[in-house]
Amino acid sequence: MTETDIIIIGTGPAGLEAAITCVIRKKKILLLGQKDLSAKLTKAHTVNNYLGFPDISGADLAENFNKHILALDIEITEKRAASIYNMGDYFAVQSGAEMFQAKAIILATGMVQKTLLPGEEILIGKGVSYCATCDAALYPGKTAIVISYSEDEESEAEFLAEYADKVIYIPMYKDAKISKENIEVIYAKPEEIIGENSFNLLKTDKGDISADGVFILREAIAPDVLIPGIETDKGHVVVGKDMSSSIPGVFACGDITGLPYQYIKAAGEGNIAALSACAYVDSMSKGK
């Protein structure tokens, strides 16, 4: 298990500023996210209110962000956090088959639209999962469904197929490229997850599909699903002025904390979250 001081999840302005501040404060970090940064940022036509960069395009602002983190030798690890476990004196972040350990967490994943399928939430952990590589070993001789929102998750389905007897892959995008013979690709719209004490079948606009379990691979996971027990309000993480959440050692910044959804606000909160996380790590080291 990889150990570090602070794990930062998200590579938008909030996550990058948090990473910069943590490194300047001489903390060991792991930055999880996309190397092409935030699509919301890079696709912005013009940003008018970012201090020091008047009338700059989102792509150019992202390029400046990249130059800054490169100057500090900050590396982005392209991994998706599937679950965060509060272990008391540290946190464990699961990403596929890997586990990462840190003393503090900074959530900077942006605003996640929590549009869960009917029946999904009550069956989490009862046949509904968000990490195929995490639970693949539970499916020898079984059938599993994978609902994927990105072609980047095809590798998870193929890994699952090494254990499961059959995998039914439902891509929420066009032209899935799946090579394994025991993976059936079905283009359908998921409508409802059915089951009483455990998952039984998935209702779609093309008919019902029975299986032993279903994996829902979204690009981002709602914060209260990612780390159970964290306080949220209408999908936003509730934070104090120091960006601390309801869970000691977990901080949040940027769009995930609520309106306004502004790059300059996200970067400022990233700085505050990092300072608070660094202080928290220092207090642990001192045994306070």
C-alpha atoms as a PDB file:
ATOM      1  CA  MET A   1       0.000   0.000   0.000  1.00  0.00           C
ATOM      2  CA  THR A   2       1.428   3.375  -1.067  1.00  0.00           C
ATOM      3  CA  GLU A   3       1.682   5.744   1.910  1.00  0.00           C
ATOM      4  CA  THR A   4       1.715   9.546   1.762  1.00  0.00           C
ATOM      5  CA  ASP A   5       0.770  12.586   3.826  1.00  0.00           C
ATOM      6  CA  ILE A   6      -2.140  13.931   1.802  1.00  0.00           C
ATOM      7  CA  ILE A   7      -4.145  12.508  -1.090  1.00  0.00           C
ATOM      8  CA  ILE A   8      -5.771  15.119  -3.315  1.00  0.00           C
ATOM      9  CA  ILE A   9      -8.584  13.925  -5.568  1.00  0.00           C
ATOM     10  CA  GLY A  10      -9.268  16.127  -8.578  1.00  0.00           C
ATOM     11  CA  THR A  11      -7.177  18.116 -11.053  1.00  0.00           C
ATOM     12  CA  GLY A  12      -9.260  21.225 -11.604  1.00  0.00           C
ATOM     13  CA  PRO A  13      -8.174  24.618 -10.194  1.00  0.00           C
ATOM     14  CA  ALA A  14      -9.037  23.567  -6.622  1.00  0.00           C
ATOM     15  CA  GLY A  15      -7.061  20.330  -6.686  1.00  0.00           C
ATOM     16  CA  LEU A  16      -4.055  21.837  -8.459  1.00  0.00           C
ATOM     17  CA  GLU A  17      -3.843  24.796  -6.071  1.00  0.00           C
ATOM     18  CA  ALA A  18      -4.144  22.403  -3.138  1.00  0.00           C
ATOM     19  CA  ALA A  19      -1.289  20.325  -4.564  1.00  0.00           C
ATOM     20  CA  ILE A  20       0.918  23.399  -5.079  1.00  0.00           C
ATOM     21  CA  THR A  21       0.344  24.640  -1.540  1.00  0.00           C
ATOM     22  CA  CYS A  22       0.960  21.204   0.016  1.00  0.00           C
ATOM     23  CA  VAL A  23       4.241  20.809  -1.875  1.00  0.00           C
ATOM     24  CA  ILE A  24       5.387  24.292  -0.871  1.00  0.00           C
ATOM     25  CA  ARG A  25       4.596  23.241   2.712  1.00  0.00           C
ATOM     26  CA  LYS A  26       6.873  20.242   2.139  1.00  0.00           C
ATOM     27  CA  LYS A  27       4.188  17.597   2.394  1.00  0.00           C
ATOM     28  CA  LYS A  28       4.280  14.337   0.485  1.00  0.00           C
ATOM     29  CA  ILE A  29       1.206  14.172  -1.742  1.00  0.00           C
ATOM     30  CA  LEU A  30      -0.578  11.941  -4.204  1.00  0.00           C
ATOM     31  CA  LEU A  31      -2.619  13.831  -6.793  1.00  0.00           C
ATOM     32  CA  LEU A  32      -5.294  11.685  -8.428  1.00  0.00           C
ATOM     33  CA  GLY A  33      -7.034  12.910 -11.566  1.00  0.00           C
ATOM     34  CA  GLN A  34      -6.775  13.488 -15.288  1.00  0.00           C
ATOM     35  CA  LYS A  35      -3.603  14.815 -16.871  1.00  0.00           C
ATOM     36  CA  ASP A  36      -5.724  16.827 -19.311  1.00  0.00           C
ATOM     37  CA  LEU A  37      -7.138  18.579 -16.222  1.00  0.00           C
ATOM     38  CA  SER A  38     -10.752  19.710 -15.997  1.00  0.00           C
ATOM     39  CA  ALA A  39     -12.803  19.540 -19.209  1.00  0.00           C
ATOM     40  CA  LYS A  40     -14.946  22.343 -17.814  1.00  0.00           C
ATOM     41  CA  LEU A  41     -11.835  24.540 -17.709  1.00  0.00           C
ATOM     42  CA  THR A  42     -10.140  23.544 -20.954  1.00  0.00           C
ATOM     43  CA  LYS A  43     -13.344  24.033 -22.962  1.00  0.00           C
ATOM     44  CA  ALA A  44     -14.108  27.489 -21.535  1.00  0.00           C
ATOM     45  CA  HIS A  45     -14.027  30.105 -24.325  1.00  0.00           C
ATOM     46  CA  THR A  46     -12.966  33.057 -22.159  1.00  0.00           C
ATOM     47  CA  VAL A  47     -12.289  33.527 -18.451  1.00  0.00           C
ATOM     48  CA  ASN A  48     -12.678  37.161 -17.422  1.00  0.00           C
ATOM     49  CA  ASN A  49     -12.352  37.182 -13.647  1.00  0.00           C
ATOM     50  CA  TYR A  50      -9.192  35.208 -12.865  1.00  0.00           C
ATOM     51  CA  LEU A  51      -6.842  37.662 -11.163  1.00  0.00           C
ATOM     52  CA  GLY A  52      -3.788  38.458 -13.289  1.00  0.00           C
ATOM     53  CA  PHE A  53      -5.092  36.789 -16.441  1.00  0.00           C
ATOM     54  CA  PRO A  54      -7.682  39.075 -18.087  1.00  0.00           C
ATOM     55  CA  ASP A  55      -9.637  37.693 -21.062  1.00  0.00           C
ATOM     56  CA  ILE A  56      -7.768  34.389 -21.094  1.00  0.00           C
ATOM     57  CA  SER A  57      -9.123  31.254 -22.710  1.00  0.00           C
ATOM     58  CA  GLY A  58      -9.729  28.197 -20.575  1.00  0.00           C
ATOM     59  CA  ALA A  59      -7.160  26.254 -22.609  1.00  0.00           C
ATOM     60  CA  ASP A  60      -4.486  28.909 -22.037  1.00  0.00           C
ATOM     61  CA  LEU A  61      -5.270  29.102 -18.329  1.00  0.00           C
ATOM     62  CA  ALA A  62      -4.977  25.318 -18.109  1.00  0.00           C
ATOM     63  CA  GLU A  63      -1.607  25.531 -19.873  1.00  0.00           C
ATOM     64  CA  ASN A  64      -0.417  28.001 -17.227  1.00  0.00           C
ATOM     65  CA  PHE A  65      -1.637  25.635 -14.511  1.00  0.00           C
ATOM     66  CA  ASN A  66       0.346  22.817 -16.120  1.00  0.00           C
ATOM     67  CA  LYS A  67       3.506  24.928 -16.264  1.00  0.00           C
ATOM     68  CA  HIS A  68       3.147  25.742 -12.576  1.00  0.00           C
ATOM     69  CA  ILE A  69       2.782  22.156 -11.381  1.00  0.00           C
ATOM     70  CA  LEU A  70       5.592  21.005 -13.685  1.00  0.00           C
ATOM     71  CA  ALA A  71       7.874  23.664 -12.196  1.00  0.00           C
ATOM     72  CA  LEU A  72       7.241  22.096  -8.783  1.00  0.00           C
ATOM     73  CA  ASP A  73       7.644  18.517 -10.086  1.00  0.00           C
ATOM     74  CA  ILE A  74       4.050  17.681  -9.185  1.00  0.00           C
ATOM     75  CA  GLU A  75       2.942  14.493 -10.901  1.00  0.00           C
ATOM     76  CA  ILE A  76      -0.662  13.639 -11.708  1.00  0.00           C
ATOM     77  CA  THR A  77      -1.535   9.989 -11.148  1.00  0.00           C
ATOM     78  CA  GLU A  78      -4.309   9.034 -13.551  1.00  0.00           C
ATOM     79  CA  LYS A  79      -6.314   6.862 -11.177  1.00  0.00           C
ATOM     80  CA  ARG A  80      -9.988   7.042 -10.221  1.00  0.00           C
ATOM     81  CA  ALA A  81     -10.811   6.931  -6.524  1.00  0.00           C
ATOM     82  CA  ALA A  82     -13.537   4.316  -6.086  1.00  0.00           C
ATOM     83  CA  SER A  83     -13.852   4.292  -2.288  1.00  0.00           C
ATOM     84  CA  ILE A  84     -12.346   6.052   0.709  1.00  0.00           C
ATOM     85  CA  TYR A  85     -12.165   4.207   4.018  1.00  0.00           C
ATOM     86  CA  ASN A  86     -11.727   6.000   7.328  1.00  0.00           C
ATOM     87  CA  MET A  87      -9.336   3.788   9.281  1.00  0.00           C
ATOM     88  CA  GLY A  88      -9.157   6.032  12.344  1.00  0.00           C
ATOM     89  CA  ASP A  89      -5.593   7.348  12.228  1.00  0.00           C
ATOM     90  CA  TYR A  90      -5.329   7.212   8.437  1.00  0.00           C
ATOM     91  CA  PHE A  91      -7.436   6.945   5.287  1.00  0.00           C
ATOM     92  CA  ALA A  92      -7.294   4.219   2.644  1.00  0.00           C
ATOM     93  CA  VAL A  93      -8.240   5.137  -0.922  1.00  0.00           C
ATOM     94  CA  GLN A  94      -9.130   2.279  -3.239  1.00  0.00           C
ATOM     95  CA  SER A  95      -8.458   2.660  -6.941  1.00  0.00           C
ATOM     96  CA  GLY A  96      -8.977  -0.509  -8.908  1.00  0.00           C
ATOM     97  CA  ALA A  97      -6.812  -3.209  -7.376  1.00  0.00           C
ATOM     98  CA  GLU A  98      -4.551  -0.621  -5.702  1.00  0.00           C
ATOM     99  CA  MET A  99      -4.809   0.943  -2.253  1.00  0.00           C
ATOM    100  CA  PHE A 100      -3.310   4.276  -1.239  1.00  0.00           C
ATOM    101  CA  GLN A 101      -2.870   5.446   2.342  1.00  0.00           C
ATOM    102  CA  ALA A 102      -2.767   9.023   3.657  1.00  0.00           C
ATOM    103  CA  LYS A 103      -3.143  10.963   6.882  1.00  0.00           C
ATOM    104  CA  ALA A 104      -5.503  13.474   5.256  1.00  0.00           C
ATOM    105  CA  ILE A 105      -7.746  13.738   2.194  1.00  0.00           C
ATOM    106  CA  ILE A 106      -8.638  16.742   0.044  1.00  0.00           C
ATOM    107  CA  LEU A 107     -11.723  16.303  -2.133  1.00  0.00           C
ATOM    108  CA  ALA A 108     -11.638  18.521  -5.235  1.00  0.00           C
ATOM    109  CA  THR A 109     -13.682  16.433  -7.645  1.00  0.00           C
ATOM    110  CA  GLY A 110     -15.976  19.215  -8.821  1.00  0.00           C
ATOM    111  CA  MET A 111     -19.738  19.137  -8.677  1.00  0.00           C
ATOM    112  CA  VAL A 112     -20.989  15.590  -9.155  1.00  0.00           C
ATOM    113  CA  GLN A 113     -24.546  15.316 -10.372  1.00  0.00           C
ATOM    114  CA  LYS A 114     -26.032  12.643  -8.134  1.00  0.00           C
ATOM    115  CA  THR A 115     -28.503  11.160 -10.590  1.00  0.00           C
ATOM    116  CA  LEU A 116     -28.625   7.663  -9.212  1.00  0.00           C
ATOM    117  CA  LEU A 117     -30.732   4.988 -10.851  1.00  0.00           C
ATOM    118  CA  PRO A 118     -33.908   4.038  -8.991  1.00  0.00           C
ATOM    119  CA  GLY A 119     -33.005   1.284  -6.545  1.00  0.00           C
ATOM    120  CA  GLU A 120     -29.266   1.953  -6.775  1.00  0.00           C
ATOM    121  CA  GLU A 121     -28.634   3.557  -3.403  1.00  0.00           C
ATOM    122  CA  ILE A 122     -30.414   0.944  -1.273  1.00  0.00           C
ATOM    123  CA  LEU A 123     -28.473  -1.898  -2.930  1.00  0.00           C
ATOM    124  CA  ILE A 124     -24.954  -0.447  -2.650  1.00  0.00           C
ATOM    125  CA  GLY A 125     -22.808  -3.251  -1.279  1.00  0.00           C
ATOM    126  CA  LYS A 126     -25.575  -5.757  -1.996  1.00  0.00           C
ATOM    127  CA  GLY A 127     -24.708  -6.460  -5.591  1.00  0.00           C
ATOM    128  CA  VAL A 128     -24.230  -2.841  -6.638  1.00  0.00           C
ATOM    129  CA  SER A 129     -20.609  -1.683  -6.777  1.00  0.00           C
ATOM    130  CA  TYR A 130     -18.534   1.118  -8.294  1.00  0.00           C
ATOM    131  CA  CYS A 131     -15.221  -0.692  -8.800  1.00  0.00           C
ATOM    132  CA  ALA A 132     -15.044  -3.764 -11.020  1.00  0.00           C
ATOM    133  CA  THR A 133     -11.393  -4.501 -10.332  1.00  0.00           C
ATOM    134  CA  CYS A 134     -12.012  -4.225  -6.580  1.00  0.00           C
ATOM    135  CA  ASP A 135     -14.700  -6.917  -6.467  1.00  0.00           C
ATOM    136  CA  ALA A 136     -13.816  -9.030  -9.509  1.00  0.00           C
ATOM    137  CA  ALA A 137     -12.568 -11.929  -7.371  1.00  0.00           C
ATOM    138  CA  LEU A 138     -16.117 -12.346  -5.985  1.00  0.00           C
ATOM    139  CA  TYR A 139     -17.506 -13.326  -9.405  1.00  0.00           C
ATOM    140  CA  PRO A 140     -15.982 -16.673 -10.482  1.00  0.00           C
ATOM    141  CA  GLY A 141     -18.602 -18.597 -12.453  1.00  0.00           C
ATOM    142  CA  LYS A 142     -21.051 -15.680 -12.205  1.00  0.00           C
ATOM    143  CA  THR A 143     -22.567 -13.082 -14.518  1.00  0.00           C
ATOM    144  CA  ALA A 144     -21.972  -9.384 -13.982  1.00  0.00           C
ATOM    145  CA  ILE A 145     -23.238  -6.220 -15.636  1.00  0.00           C
ATOM    146  CA  VAL A 146     -20.995  -3.216 -16.188  1.00  0.00           C
ATOM    147  CA  ILE A 147     -22.579   0.177 -16.901  1.00  0.00           C
ATOM    148  CA  SER A 148     -19.802   2.434 -18.136  1.00  0.00           C
ATOM    149  CA  TYR A 149     -19.824   6.154 -18.828  1.00  0.00           C
ATOM    150  CA  SER A 150     -16.344   6.317 -20.377  1.00  0.00           C
ATOM    151  CA  GLU A 151     -14.218   4.214 -22.686  1.00  0.00           C
ATOM    152  CA  ASP A 152     -11.448   4.560 -20.088  1.00  0.00           C
ATOM    153  CA  GLU A 153     -13.337   1.993 -17.990  1.00  0.00           C
ATOM    154  CA  GLU A 154     -13.223  -0.759 -20.644  1.00  0.00           C
ATOM    155  CA  SER A 155     -10.107  -2.161 -18.974  1.00  0.00           C
ATOM    156  CA  GLU A 156     -12.102  -2.662 -15.756  1.00  0.00           C
ATOM    157  CA  ALA A 157     -14.686  -4.737 -17.622  1.00  0.00           C
ATOM    158  CA  GLU A 158     -11.954  -6.841 -19.236  1.00  0.00           C
ATOM    159  CA  PHE A 159     -10.305  -7.418 -15.862  1.00  0.00           C
ATOM    160  CA  LEU A 160     -13.663  -8.476 -14.416  1.00  0.00           C
ATOM    161  CA  ALA A 161     -14.098 -10.886 -17.334  1.00  0.00           C
ATOM    162  CA  GLU A 162     -10.993 -12.763 -16.218  1.00  0.00           C
ATOM    163  CA  TYR A 163     -12.981 -13.894 -13.165  1.00  0.00           C
ATOM    164  CA  ALA A 164     -16.641 -13.792 -14.167  1.00  0.00           C
ATOM    165  CA  ASP A 165     -18.178 -16.394 -16.429  1.00  0.00           C
ATOM    166  CA  LYS A 166     -19.895 -13.632 -18.409  1.00  0.00           C
ATOM    167  CA  VAL A 167     -19.846  -9.840 -18.424  1.00  0.00           C
ATOM    168  CA  ILE A 168     -22.594  -7.744 -19.995  1.00  0.00           C
ATOM    169  CA  TYR A 169     -21.112  -4.371 -20.914  1.00  0.00           C
ATOM    170  CA  ILE A 170     -23.504  -1.433 -21.322  1.00  0.00           C
ATOM    171  CA  PRO A 171     -21.625   1.628 -22.616  1.00  0.00           C
ATOM    172  CA  MET A 172     -23.145   5.082 -22.229  1.00  0.00           C
ATOM    173  CA  TYR A 173     -21.129   6.168 -25.262  1.00  0.00           C
ATOM    174  CA  LYS A 174     -20.694   5.062 -28.871  1.00  0.00           C
ATOM    175  CA  ASP A 175     -18.375   2.455 -30.333  1.00  0.00           C
ATOM    176  CA  ALA A 176     -17.151   0.435 -27.370  1.00  0.00           C
ATOM    177  CA  LYS A 177     -13.983  -1.512 -28.142  1.00  0.00           C
ATOM    178  CA  ILE A 178     -14.137  -4.764 -26.205  1.00  0.00           C
ATOM    179  CA  SER A 179     -12.005  -7.741 -27.180  1.00  0.00           C
ATOM    180  CA  LYS A 180     -12.763 -10.554 -24.722  1.00  0.00           C
ATOM    181  CA  GLU A 181     -15.100 -13.281 -25.955  1.00  0.00           C
ATOM    182  CA  ASN A 182     -17.049 -13.570 -22.693  1.00  0.00           C
ATOM    183  CA  ILE A 183     -18.062  -9.884 -22.763  1.00  0.00           C
ATOM    184  CA  GLU A 184     -21.350  -9.064 -24.486  1.00  0.00           C
ATOM    185  CA  VAL A 185     -21.821  -5.417 -25.438  1.00  0.00           C
ATOM    186  CA  ILE A 186     -25.407  -4.146 -25.264  1.00  0.00           C
ATOM    187  CA  TYR A 187     -26.353  -0.598 -26.190  1.00  0.00           C
ATOM    188  CA  ALA A 188     -29.251   0.173 -23.870  1.00  0.00           C
ATOM    189  CA  LYS A 189     -30.429   2.827 -21.430  1.00  0.00           C
ATOM    190  CA  PRO A 190     -30.471   1.631 -17.801  1.00  0.00           C
ATOM    191  CA  GLU A 191     -33.746   2.541 -16.107  1.00  0.00           C
ATOM    192  CA  GLU A 192     -33.954   0.795 -12.736  1.00  0.00           C
ATOM    193  CA  ILE A 193     -32.068  -1.564 -10.447  1.00  0.00           C
ATOM    194  CA  ILE A 194     -34.266  -4.318  -9.018  1.00  0.00           C
ATOM    195  CA  GLY A 195     -33.724  -6.379  -5.899  1.00  0.00           C
ATOM    196  CA  GLU A 196     -34.979  -6.804  -2.346  1.00  0.00           C
ATOM    197  CA  ASN A 197     -32.074  -7.919  -0.187  1.00  0.00           C
ATOM    198  CA  SER A 198     -29.631  -8.064  -3.097  1.00  0.00           C
ATOM    199  CA  PHE A 199     -29.399  -7.148  -6.772  1.00  0.00           C
ATOM    200  CA  ASN A 200     -31.466  -9.310  -9.133  1.00  0.00           C
ATOM    201  CA  LEU A 201     -31.873  -7.543 -12.453  1.00  0.00           C
ATOM    202  CA  LEU A 202     -31.414  -4.349 -14.385  1.00  0.00           C
ATOM    203  CA  LYS A 203     -34.326  -2.801 -16.223  1.00  0.00           C
ATOM    204  CA  THR A 204     -33.386  -1.114 -19.505  1.00  0.00           C
ATOM    205  CA  ASP A 205     -35.219   0.337 -22.478  1.00  0.00           C
ATOM    206  CA  LYS A 206     -34.234  -2.833 -24.363  1.00  0.00           C
ATOM    207  CA  GLY A 207     -35.567  -5.241 -21.744  1.00  0.00           C
ATOM    208  CA  ASP A 208     -34.616  -6.716 -18.371  1.00  0.00           C
ATOM    209  CA  ILE A 209     -31.145  -8.181 -17.774  1.00  0.00           C
ATOM    210  CA  SER A 210     -30.578 -10.684 -14.962  1.00  0.00           C
ATOM    211  CA  ALA A 211     -27.155 -11.018 -13.340  1.00  0.00           C
ATOM    212  CA  ASP A 212     -25.412 -11.630 -10.041  1.00  0.00           C
ATOM    213  CA  GLY A 213     -24.219  -8.048  -9.701  1.00  0.00           C
ATOM    214  CA  VAL A 214     -23.923  -4.691 -11.427  1.00  0.00           C
ATOM    215  CA  PHE A 215     -20.979  -2.297 -11.564  1.00  0.00           C
ATOM    216  CA  ILE A 216     -21.700   1.357 -12.288  1.00  0.00           C
ATOM    217  CA  LEU A 217     -18.551   3.078 -13.519  1.00  0.00           C
ATOM    218  CA  ARG A 218     -19.171   6.812 -13.578  1.00  0.00           C
ATOM    219  CA  GLU A 219     -16.357   9.305 -14.173  1.00  0.00           C
ATOM    220  CA  ALA A 220     -16.951  10.755 -10.694  1.00  0.00           C
ATOM    221  CA  ILE A 221     -18.715   9.430  -7.616  1.00  0.00           C
ATOM    222  CA  ALA A 222     -20.968  11.471  -5.341  1.00  0.00           C
ATOM    223  CA  PRO A 223     -19.058  12.426  -2.170  1.00  0.00           C
ATOM    224  CA  ASP A 224     -21.380  10.646   0.262  1.00  0.00           C
ATOM    225  CA  VAL A 225     -20.969   7.463  -1.785  1.00  0.00           C
ATOM    226  CA  LEU A 226     -17.209   7.904  -2.155  1.00  0.00           C
ATOM    227  CA  ILE A 227     -16.749   8.333   1.600  1.00  0.00           C
ATOM    228  CA  PRO A 228     -19.765   7.214   3.635  1.00  0.00           C
ATOM    229  CA  GLY A 229     -20.700   9.390   6.581  1.00  0.00           C
ATOM    230  CA  ILE A 230     -19.571  12.726   5.164  1.00  0.00           C
ATOM    231  CA  GLU A 231     -22.170  15.458   5.575  1.00  0.00           C
ATOM    232  CA  THR A 232     -23.619  16.826   2.359  1.00  0.00           C
ATOM    233  CA  ASP A 233     -26.339  19.274   1.398  1.00  0.00           C
ATOM    234  CA  LYS A 234     -27.965  18.920  -2.036  1.00  0.00           C
ATOM    235  CA  GLY A 235     -24.921  17.055  -3.334  1.00  0.00           C
ATOM    236  CA  HIS A 236     -22.359  19.503  -1.930  1.00  0.00           C
ATOM    237  CA  VAL A 237     -19.925  18.688   0.880  1.00  0.00           C
ATOM    238  CA  VAL A 238     -20.661  20.793   3.955  1.00  0.00           C
ATOM    239  CA  VAL A 239     -17.457  22.559   5.057  1.00  0.00           C
ATOM    240  CA  GLY A 240     -16.298  25.125   7.584  1.00  0.00           C
ATOM    241  CA  LYS A 241     -14.270  28.235   6.809  1.00  0.00           C
ATOM    242  CA  ASP A 242     -11.120  26.106   6.916  1.00  0.00           C
ATOM    243  CA  MET A 243     -12.622  23.737   4.303  1.00  0.00           C
ATOM    244  CA  SER A 244     -12.905  20.938   6.880  1.00  0.00           C
ATOM    245  CA  SER A 245     -15.722  18.437   6.425  1.00  0.00           C
ATOM    246  CA  SER A 246     -17.708  16.562   9.045  1.00  0.00           C
ATOM    247  CA  ILE A 247     -14.992  13.870   9.041  1.00  0.00           C
ATOM    248  CA  PRO A 248     -11.752  14.952  10.770  1.00  0.00           C
ATOM    249  CA  GLY A 249      -8.897  14.810   8.285  1.00  0.00           C
ATOM    250  CA  VAL A 250     -11.109  15.189   5.212  1.00  0.00           C
ATOM    251  CA  PHE A 251     -11.221  18.586   3.513  1.00  0.00           C
ATOM    252  CA  ALA A 252     -13.102  19.734   0.418  1.00  0.00           C
ATOM    253  CA  CYS A 253     -12.713  22.626  -1.994  1.00  0.00           C
ATOM    254  CA  GLY A 254     -14.013  23.993  -5.281  1.00  0.00           C
ATOM    255  CA  ASP A 255     -17.358  23.276  -6.917  1.00  0.00           C
ATOM    256  CA  ILE A 256     -17.920  20.299  -4.634  1.00  0.00           C
ATOM    257  CA  THR A 257     -18.535  22.739  -1.741  1.00  0.00           C
ATOM    258  CA  GLY A 258     -21.258  24.690  -3.547  1.00  0.00           C
ATOM    259  CA  LEU A 259     -21.936  27.943  -5.367  1.00  0.00           C
ATOM    260  CA  PRO A 260     -20.512  30.008  -6.909  1.00  0.00           C
ATOM    261  CA  TYR A 261     -18.929  27.698  -9.477  1.00  0.00           C
ATOM    262  CA  GLN A 262     -15.984  29.968 -10.286  1.00  0.00           C
ATOM    263  CA  TYR A 263     -12.363  29.074 -11.070  1.00  0.00           C
ATOM    264  CA  ILE A 264     -10.964  31.822  -8.853  1.00  0.00           C
ATOM    265  CA  LYS A 265     -13.136  30.691  -5.935  1.00  0.00           C
ATOM    266  CA  ALA A 266     -12.066  27.071  -6.461  1.00  0.00           C
ATOM    267  CA  ALA A 267      -8.370  27.971  -6.449  1.00  0.00           C
ATOM    268  CA  GLY A 268      -8.768  30.043  -3.280  1.00  0.00           C
ATOM    269  CA  GLU A 269     -10.552  27.221  -1.504  1.00  0.00           C
ATOM    270  CA  GLY A 270      -7.859  24.813  -2.692  1.00  0.00           C
ATOM    271  CA  ASN A 271      -5.257  26.956  -0.973  1.00  0.00           C
ATOM    272  CA  ILE A 272      -7.261  27.049   2.278  1.00  0.00           C
ATOM    273  CA  ALA A 273      -7.967  23.300   2.189  1.00  0.00           C
ATOM    274  CA  ALA A 274      -4.271  22.585   1.696  1.00  0.00           C
ATOM    275  CA  LEU A 275      -3.190  24.831   4.574  1.00  0.00           C
ATOM    276  CA  SER A 276      -5.766  23.153   6.814  1.00  0.00           C
ATOM    277  CA  ALA A 277      -4.760  19.651   5.710  1.00  0.00           C
ATOM    278  CA  CYS A 278      -1.080  20.434   6.307  1.00  0.00           C
ATOM    279  CA  ALA A 279      -1.884  21.733   9.792  1.00  0.00           C
ATOM    280  CA  TYR A 280      -3.896  18.571  10.465  1.00  0.00           C
ATOM    281  CA  VAL A 281      -0.996  16.334   9.382  1.00  0.00           C
ATOM    282  CA  ASP A 282       1.411  18.343  11.538  1.00  0.00           C
ATOM    283  CA  SER A 283      -0.888  17.978  14.550  1.00  0.00           C
ATOM    284  CA  MET A 284      -0.962  14.203  14.050  1.00  0.00           C
ATOM    285  CA  SER A 285       2.817  14.090  13.965  1.00  0.00           C
ATOM    286  CA  LYS A 286       2.920  15.964  17.270  1.00  0.00           C
ATOM    287  CA  GLY A 287       0.390  13.568  18.774  1.00  0.00           C
ATOM    288  CA  LYS A 288      -2.219  16.229  19.410  1.00  0.00           C
END
